[in-house]
């Protein structure tokens, strides 16, 4: 199984997000999460309903796992 890694630009953007201190997502943050999740998890871009944090927490967890793998080509 290949280990997914983030492109440097995405890695840097995600690093800024993970260093944030707010418990609430801004509009820009939801767009970032949706964009990166669709890119790295291979699905069409969409913004999930904000009525439940379950999907958002799952997507953030997925992106954190990829972030922890470091910088590289996205399909490595």
PDB file of N, CA and C in Angstrom:
ATOM      1  N   UNK A   1       0.846  -1.195   0.000  1.00  0.00           N
ATOM      2  CA  UNK A   1       0.000   0.000   0.000  1.00  0.00           C
ATOM      3  C   UNK A   1       0.884   1.249   0.000  1.00  0.00           C
ATOM      4  N   UNK A   2       0.548   2.177  -0.858  1.00  0.00           N
ATOM      5  CA  UNK A   2       1.329   3.405  -0.959  1.00  0.00           C
ATOM      6  C   UNK A   2       0.951   4.379   0.155  1.00  0.00           C
ATOM      7  N   UNK A   3       1.955   5.094   0.642  1.00  0.00           N
ATOM      8  CA  UNK A   3       1.727   6.108   1.668  1.00  0.00           C
ATOM      9  C   UNK A   3       1.462   7.428   0.976  1.00  0.00           C
ATOM     10  N   UNK A   4       0.336   8.042   1.293  1.00  0.00           N
ATOM     11  CA  UNK A   4       0.001   9.344   0.705  1.00  0.00           C
ATOM     12  C   UNK A   4       0.778  10.438   1.419  1.00  0.00           C
ATOM     13  N   UNK A   5       1.260  11.391   0.627  1.00  0.00           N
ATOM     14  CA  UNK A   5       1.948  12.568   1.156  1.00  0.00           C
ATOM     15  C   UNK A   5       1.353  13.799   0.505  1.00  0.00           C
ATOM     16  N   UNK A   6       1.531  14.935   1.137  1.00  0.00           N
ATOM     17  CA  UNK A   6       1.009  16.194   0.609  1.00  0.00           C
ATOM     18  C   UNK A   6       2.068  16.925  -0.208  1.00  0.00           C
ATOM     19  N   UNK A   7       1.580  17.611  -1.227  1.00  0.00           N
ATOM     20  CA  UNK A   7       2.451  18.534  -1.940  1.00  0.00           C
ATOM     21  C   UNK A   7       2.872  19.637  -0.968  1.00  0.00           C
ATOM     22  N   UNK A   8       4.028  20.229  -1.198  1.00  0.00           N
ATOM     23  CA  UNK A   8       4.544  21.238  -0.261  1.00  0.00           C
ATOM     24  C   UNK A   8       3.551  22.372  -0.025  1.00  0.00           C
ATOM     25  N   UNK A   9       2.936  22.884  -1.078  1.00  0.00           N
ATOM     26  CA  UNK A   9       1.977  23.987  -0.927  1.00  0.00           C
ATOM     27  C   UNK A   9       0.808  23.574  -0.013  1.00  0.00           C
ATOM     28  N   UNK A  10       0.281  22.379  -0.221  1.00  0.00           N
ATOM     29  CA  UNK A  10      -0.824  21.897   0.610  1.00  0.00           C
ATOM     30  C   UNK A  10      -0.365  21.634   2.036  1.00  0.00           C
ATOM     31  N   UNK A  11       0.844  21.090   2.160  1.00  0.00           N
ATOM     32  CA  UNK A  11       1.415  20.825   3.479  1.00  0.00           C
ATOM     33  C   UNK A  11       1.527  22.125   4.276  1.00  0.00           C
ATOM     34  N   UNK A  12       2.014  23.169   3.633  1.00  0.00           N
ATOM     35  CA  UNK A  12       2.168  24.459   4.302  1.00  0.00           C
ATOM     36  C   UNK A  12       0.811  25.039   4.702  1.00  0.00           C
ATOM     37  N   UNK A  13      -0.174  24.930   3.819  1.00  0.00           N
ATOM     38  CA  UNK A  13      -1.520  25.433   4.129  1.00  0.00           C
ATOM     39  C   UNK A  13      -2.140  24.646   5.280  1.00  0.00           C
ATOM     40  N   UNK A  14      -1.948  23.323   5.281  1.00  0.00           N
ATOM     41  CA  UNK A  14      -2.515  22.500   6.349  1.00  0.00           C
ATOM     42  C   UNK A  14      -1.796  22.779   7.672  1.00  0.00           C
ATOM     43  N   UNK A  15      -0.516  23.060   7.606  1.00  0.00           N
ATOM     44  CA  UNK A  15       0.257  23.391   8.797  1.00  0.00           C
ATOM     45  C   UNK A  15      -0.303  24.640   9.473  1.00  0.00           C
ATOM     46  N   UNK A  16      -0.640  25.646   8.686  1.00  0.00           N
ATOM     47  CA  UNK A  16      -1.238  26.866   9.226  1.00  0.00           C
ATOM     48  C   UNK A  16      -2.574  26.535   9.892  1.00  0.00           C
ATOM     49  N   UNK A  17      -3.377  25.709   9.219  1.00  0.00           N
ATOM     50  CA  UNK A  17      -4.672  25.323   9.788  1.00  0.00           C
ATOM     51  C   UNK A  17      -4.500  24.603  11.128  1.00  0.00           C
ATOM     52  N   UNK A  18      -3.591  23.638  11.184  1.00  0.00           N
ATOM     53  CA  UNK A  18      -3.426  22.839  12.405  1.00  0.00           C
ATOM     54  C   UNK A  18      -2.855  23.655  13.562  1.00  0.00           C
ATOM     55  N   UNK A  19      -2.207  24.760  13.254  1.00  0.00           N
ATOM     56  CA  UNK A  19      -1.662  25.615  14.310  1.00  0.00           C
ATOM     57  C   UNK A  19      -2.662  26.653  14.794  1.00  0.00           C
ATOM     58  N   UNK A  20      -3.854  26.661  14.216  1.00  0.00           N
ATOM     59  CA  UNK A  20      -4.893  27.602  14.637  1.00  0.00           C
ATOM     60  C   UNK A  20      -5.396  27.269  16.032  1.00  0.00           C
ATOM     61  N   UNK A  21      -6.023  28.245  16.657  1.00  0.00           N
ATOM     62  CA  UNK A  21      -6.446  28.051  18.047  1.00  0.00           C
ATOM     63  C   UNK A  21      -7.965  28.063  18.239  1.00  0.00           C
ATOM     64  N   UNK A  22      -8.711  28.249  17.159  1.00  0.00           N
ATOM     65  CA  UNK A  22     -10.158  28.345  17.283  1.00  0.00           C
ATOM     66  C   UNK A  22     -10.813  26.966  17.251  1.00  0.00           C
ATOM     67  N   UNK A  23     -11.909  26.823  18.002  1.00  0.00           N
ATOM     68  CA  UNK A  23     -12.681  25.582  18.001  1.00  0.00           C
ATOM     69  C   UNK A  23     -13.715  25.568  16.884  1.00  0.00           C
ATOM     70  N   UNK A  24     -13.938  26.711  16.258  1.00  0.00           N
ATOM     71  CA  UNK A  24     -14.940  26.817  15.203  1.00  0.00           C
ATOM     72  C   UNK A  24     -14.257  27.018  13.864  1.00  0.00           C
ATOM     73  N   UNK A  25     -14.823  26.386  12.836  1.00  0.00           N
ATOM     74  CA  UNK A  25     -14.258  26.515  11.494  1.00  0.00           C
ATOM     75  C   UNK A  25     -14.771  27.778  10.818  1.00  0.00           C
ATOM     76  N   UNK A  26     -13.862  28.482  10.170  1.00  0.00           N
ATOM     77  CA  UNK A  26     -14.248  29.640   9.366  1.00  0.00           C
ATOM     78  C   UNK A  26     -14.660  29.147   7.975  1.00  0.00           C
ATOM     79  N   UNK A  27     -15.239  30.032   7.196  1.00  0.00           N
ATOM     80  CA  UNK A  27     -15.612  29.697   5.828  1.00  0.00           C
ATOM     81  C   UNK A  27     -14.381  29.292   5.014  1.00  0.00           C
ATOM     82  N   UNK A  28     -13.292  30.021   5.170  1.00  0.00           N
ATOM     83  CA  UNK A  28     -12.060  29.690   4.453  1.00  0.00           C
ATOM     84  C   UNK A  28     -11.518  28.325   4.872  1.00  0.00           C
ATOM     85  N   UNK A  29     -11.631  27.998   6.151  1.00  0.00           N
ATOM     86  CA  UNK A  29     -11.151  26.700   6.633  1.00  0.00           C
ATOM     87  C   UNK A  29     -11.996  25.555   6.088  1.00  0.00           C
ATOM     88  N   UNK A  30     -13.315  25.749   6.029  1.00  0.00           N
ATOM     89  CA  UNK A  30     -14.166  24.678   5.481  1.00  0.00           C
ATOM     90  C   UNK A  30     -13.832  24.447   4.012  1.00  0.00           C
ATOM     91  N   UNK A  31     -13.563  25.522   3.280  1.00  0.00           N
ATOM     92  CA  UNK A  31     -13.184  25.381   1.867  1.00  0.00           C
ATOM     93  C   UNK A  31     -11.847  24.651   1.737  1.00  0.00           C
ATOM     94  N   UNK A  32     -10.885  24.977   2.597  1.00  0.00           N
ATOM     95  CA  UNK A  32      -9.589  24.315   2.575  1.00  0.00           C
ATOM     96  C   UNK A  32      -9.745  22.822   2.849  1.00  0.00           C
ATOM     97  N   UNK A  33     -10.494  22.481   3.878  1.00  0.00           N
ATOM     98  CA  UNK A  33     -10.699  21.071   4.234  1.00  0.00           C
ATOM     99  C   UNK A  33     -11.362  20.327   3.077  1.00  0.00           C
ATOM    100  N   UNK A  34     -12.422  20.908   2.520  1.00  0.00           N
ATOM    101  CA  UNK A  34     -13.138  20.262   1.420  1.00  0.00           C
ATOM    102  C   UNK A  34     -12.238  20.103   0.193  1.00  0.00           C
ATOM    103  N   UNK A  35     -11.465  21.126  -0.108  1.00  0.00           N
ATOM    104  CA  UNK A  35     -10.565  21.075  -1.266  1.00  0.00           C
ATOM    105  C   UNK A  35      -9.512  19.985  -1.102  1.00  0.00           C
ATOM    106  N   UNK A  36      -8.824  20.010   0.046  1.00  0.00           N
ATOM    107  CA  UNK A  36      -7.755  19.041   0.254  1.00  0.00           C
ATOM    108  C   UNK A  36      -8.296  17.625   0.399  1.00  0.00           C
ATOM    109  N   UNK A  37      -9.421  17.471   1.066  1.00  0.00           N
ATOM    110  CA  UNK A  37      -9.979  16.124   1.235  1.00  0.00           C
ATOM    111  C   UNK A  37     -10.376  15.548  -0.113  1.00  0.00           C
ATOM    112  N   UNK A  38     -11.006  16.342  -0.958  1.00  0.00           N
ATOM    113  CA  UNK A  38     -11.397  15.831  -2.273  1.00  0.00           C
ATOM    114  C   UNK A  38     -10.152  15.470  -3.102  1.00  0.00           C
ATOM    115  N   UNK A  39      -9.112  16.259  -2.966  1.00  0.00           N
ATOM    116  CA  UNK A  39      -7.873  16.028  -3.721  1.00  0.00           C
ATOM    117  C   UNK A  39      -7.168  14.747  -3.271  1.00  0.00           C
ATOM    118  N   UNK A  40      -7.002  14.584  -1.968  1.00  0.00           N
ATOM    119  CA  UNK A  40      -6.220  13.467  -1.457  1.00  0.00           C
ATOM    120  C   UNK A  40      -7.036  12.198  -1.222  1.00  0.00           C
ATOM    121  N   UNK A  41      -8.334  12.324  -1.125  1.00  0.00           N
ATOM    122  CA  UNK A  41      -9.182  11.146  -0.922  1.00  0.00           C
ATOM    123  C   UNK A  41      -9.960  10.787  -2.189  1.00  0.00           C
ATOM    124  N   UNK A  42      -9.639  11.472  -3.282  1.00  0.00           N
ATOM    125  CA  UNK A  42     -10.162  11.150  -4.610  1.00  0.00           C
ATOM    126  C   UNK A  42     -11.684  11.128  -4.703  1.00  0.00           C
ATOM    127  N   UNK A  43     -12.292  12.242  -4.360  1.00  0.00           N
ATOM    128  CA  UNK A  43     -13.735  12.391  -4.566  1.00  0.00           C
ATOM    129  C   UNK A  43     -14.017  13.803  -5.041  1.00  0.00           C
ATOM    130  N   UNK A  44     -15.232  14.022  -5.516  1.00  0.00           N
ATOM    131  CA  UNK A  44     -15.573  15.356  -6.016  1.00  0.00           C
ATOM    132  C   UNK A  44     -15.659  16.343  -4.853  1.00  0.00           C
ATOM    133  N   UNK A  45     -15.349  17.590  -5.170  1.00  0.00           N
ATOM    134  CA  UNK A  45     -15.376  18.653  -4.168  1.00  0.00           C
ATOM    135  C   UNK A  45     -16.809  18.939  -3.748  1.00  0.00           C
ATOM    136  N   UNK A  46     -17.045  18.938  -2.459  1.00  0.00           N
ATOM    137  CA  UNK A  46     -18.308  19.410  -1.892  1.00  0.00           C
ATOM    138  C   UNK A  46     -18.067  19.779  -0.434  1.00  0.00           C
ATOM    139  N   UNK A  47     -18.877  20.688   0.051  1.00  0.00           N
ATOM    140  CA  UNK A  47     -18.780  21.105   1.443  1.00  0.00           C
ATOM    141  C   UNK A  47     -19.905  20.411   2.214  1.00  0.00           C
ATOM    142  N   UNK A  48     -19.548  19.560   3.177  1.00  0.00           N
ATOM    143  CA  UNK A  48     -20.565  18.849   3.947  1.00  0.00           C
ATOM    144  C   UNK A  48     -21.412  19.785   4.805  1.00  0.00           C
ATOM    145  N   UNK A  49     -22.527  19.278   5.222  1.00  0.00           N
ATOM    146  CA  UNK A  49     -23.410  20.022   6.114  1.00  0.00           C
ATOM    147  C   UNK A  49     -22.669  20.380   7.398  1.00  0.00           C
ATOM    148  N   UNK A  50     -22.889  21.571   7.878  1.00  0.00           N
ATOM    149  CA  UNK A  50     -22.261  22.004   9.115  1.00  0.00           C
ATOM    150  C   UNK A  50     -23.061  21.625  10.353  1.00  0.00           C
ATOM    151  N   UNK A  51     -24.151  20.882  10.163  1.00  0.00           N
ATOM    152  CA  UNK A  51     -25.045  20.569  11.276  1.00  0.00           C
ATOM    153  C   UNK A  51     -24.467  19.516  12.223  1.00  0.00           C
ATOM    154  N   UNK A  52     -23.494  18.753  11.763  1.00  0.00           N
ATOM    155  CA  UNK A  52     -22.885  17.732  12.608  1.00  0.00           C
ATOM    156  C   UNK A  52     -21.371  17.740  12.405  1.00  0.00           C
ATOM    157  N   UNK A  53     -20.625  17.726  13.481  1.00  0.00           N
ATOM    158  CA  UNK A  53     -19.164  17.760  13.336  1.00  0.00           C
ATOM    159  C   UNK A  53     -18.550  16.422  12.938  1.00  0.00           C
ATOM    160  N   UNK A  54     -19.346  15.355  12.877  1.00  0.00           N
ATOM    161  CA  UNK A  54     -18.803  14.017  12.619  1.00  0.00           C
ATOM    162  C   UNK A  54     -18.005  13.959  11.312  1.00  0.00           C
ATOM    163  N   UNK A  55     -18.595  14.431  10.222  1.00  0.00           N
ATOM    164  CA  UNK A  55     -17.903  14.394   8.936  1.00  0.00           C
ATOM    165  C   UNK A  55     -16.673  15.280   8.956  1.00  0.00           C
ATOM    166  N   UNK A  56     -16.824  16.487   9.499  1.00  0.00           N
ATOM    167  CA  UNK A  56     -15.680  17.403   9.551  1.00  0.00           C
ATOM    168  C   UNK A  56     -14.539  16.799  10.355  1.00  0.00           C
ATOM    169  N   UNK A  57     -14.834  16.219  11.504  1.00  0.00           N
ATOM    170  CA  UNK A  57     -13.784  15.617  12.330  1.00  0.00           C
ATOM    171  C   UNK A  57     -13.114  14.457  11.605  1.00  0.00           C
ATOM    172  N   UNK A  58     -13.901  13.670  10.889  1.00  0.00           N
ATOM    173  CA  UNK A  58     -13.358  12.558  10.126  1.00  0.00           C
ATOM    174  C   UNK A  58     -12.427  13.058   9.024  1.00  0.00           C
ATOM    175  N   UNK A  59     -12.884  14.070   8.281  1.00  0.00           N
ATOM    176  CA  UNK A  59     -12.068  14.625   7.202  1.00  0.00           C
ATOM    177  C   UNK A  59     -10.777  15.240   7.742  1.00  0.00           C
ATOM    178  N   UNK A  60     -10.868  15.956   8.840  1.00  0.00           N
ATOM    179  CA  UNK A  60      -9.667  16.549   9.460  1.00  0.00           C
ATOM    180  C   UNK A  60      -8.705  15.441   9.886  1.00  0.00           C
ATOM    181  N   UNK A  61      -9.246  14.375  10.466  1.00  0.00           N
ATOM    182  CA  UNK A  61      -8.407  13.240  10.855  1.00  0.00           C
ATOM    183  C   UNK A  61      -7.711  12.606   9.663  1.00  0.00           C
ATOM    184  N   UNK A  62      -8.444  12.419   8.560  1.00  0.00           N
ATOM    185  CA  UNK A  62      -7.841  11.877   7.336  1.00  0.00           C
ATOM    186  C   UNK A  62      -6.688  12.754   6.866  1.00  0.00           C
ATOM    187  N   UNK A  63      -6.923  14.060   6.832  1.00  0.00           N
ATOM    188  CA  UNK A  63      -5.888  14.990   6.366  1.00  0.00           C
ATOM    189  C   UNK A  63      -4.707  15.055   7.326  1.00  0.00           C
ATOM    190  N   UNK A  64      -4.968  14.959   8.619  1.00  0.00           N
ATOM    191  CA  UNK A  64      -3.871  14.938   9.590  1.00  0.00           C
ATOM    192  C   UNK A  64      -2.982  13.714   9.373  1.00  0.00           C
ATOM    193  N   UNK A  65      -3.590  12.566   9.075  1.00  0.00           N
ATOM    194  CA  UNK A  65      -2.804  11.353   8.823  1.00  0.00           C
ATOM    195  C   UNK A  65      -1.894  11.530   7.616  1.00  0.00           C
ATOM    196  N   UNK A  66      -2.409  12.126   6.553  1.00  0.00           N
ATOM    197  CA  UNK A  66      -1.602  12.365   5.360  1.00  0.00           C
ATOM    198  C   UNK A  66      -0.519  13.402   5.661  1.00  0.00           C
ATOM    199  N   UNK A  67      -0.878  14.440   6.408  1.00  0.00           N
ATOM    200  CA  UNK A  67       0.063  15.489   6.807  1.00  0.00           C
ATOM    201  C   UNK A  67       1.249  14.886   7.572  1.00  0.00           C
ATOM    202  N   UNK A  68       0.958  13.933   8.449  1.00  0.00           N
ATOM    203  CA  UNK A  68       2.016  13.315   9.256  1.00  0.00           C
ATOM    204  C   UNK A  68       2.997  12.504   8.413  1.00  0.00           C
ATOM    205  N   UNK A  69       2.572  12.121   7.208  1.00  0.00           N
ATOM    206  CA  UNK A  69       3.476  11.389   6.305  1.00  0.00           C
ATOM    207  C   UNK A  69       4.489  12.298   5.634  1.00  0.00           C
ATOM    208  N   UNK A  70       4.294  13.607   5.749  1.00  0.00           N
ATOM    209  CA  UNK A  70       5.256  14.557   5.218  1.00  0.00           C
ATOM    210  C   UNK A  70       4.950  15.036   3.815  1.00  0.00           C
ATOM    211  N   UNK A  71       5.978  15.599   3.195  1.00  0.00           N
ATOM    212  CA  UNK A  71       5.854  16.232   1.884  1.00  0.00           C
ATOM    213  C   UNK A  71       6.327  15.248   0.805  1.00  0.00           C
ATOM    214  N   UNK A  72       5.611  15.250  -0.286  1.00  0.00           N
ATOM    215  CA  UNK A  72       5.976  14.406  -1.429  1.00  0.00           C
ATOM    216  C   UNK A  72       4.948  14.552  -2.509  1.00  0.00           C
ATOM    217  N   UNK A  73       4.915  13.625  -3.415  1.00  0.00           N
ATOM    218  CA  UNK A  73       3.887  13.603  -4.446  1.00  0.00           C
ATOM    219  C   UNK A  73       2.630  13.014  -3.814  1.00  0.00           C
ATOM    220  N   UNK A  74       1.448  13.520  -4.187  1.00  0.00           N
ATOM    221  CA  UNK A  74       0.222  13.091  -3.526  1.00  0.00           C
ATOM    222  C   UNK A  74      -0.101  11.623  -3.659  1.00  0.00           C
ATOM    223  N   UNK A  75       0.382  10.957  -4.701  1.00  0.00           N
ATOM    224  CA  UNK A  75       0.066   9.544  -4.850  1.00  0.00           C
ATOM    225  C   UNK A  75       1.241   8.650  -4.494  1.00  0.00           C
ATOM    226  N   UNK A  76       2.163   9.150  -3.698  1.00  0.00           N
ATOM    227  CA  UNK A  76       3.269   8.325  -3.225  1.00  0.00           C
ATOM    228  C   UNK A  76       2.866   7.628  -1.948  1.00  0.00           C
TER     229      UNK A  76
END
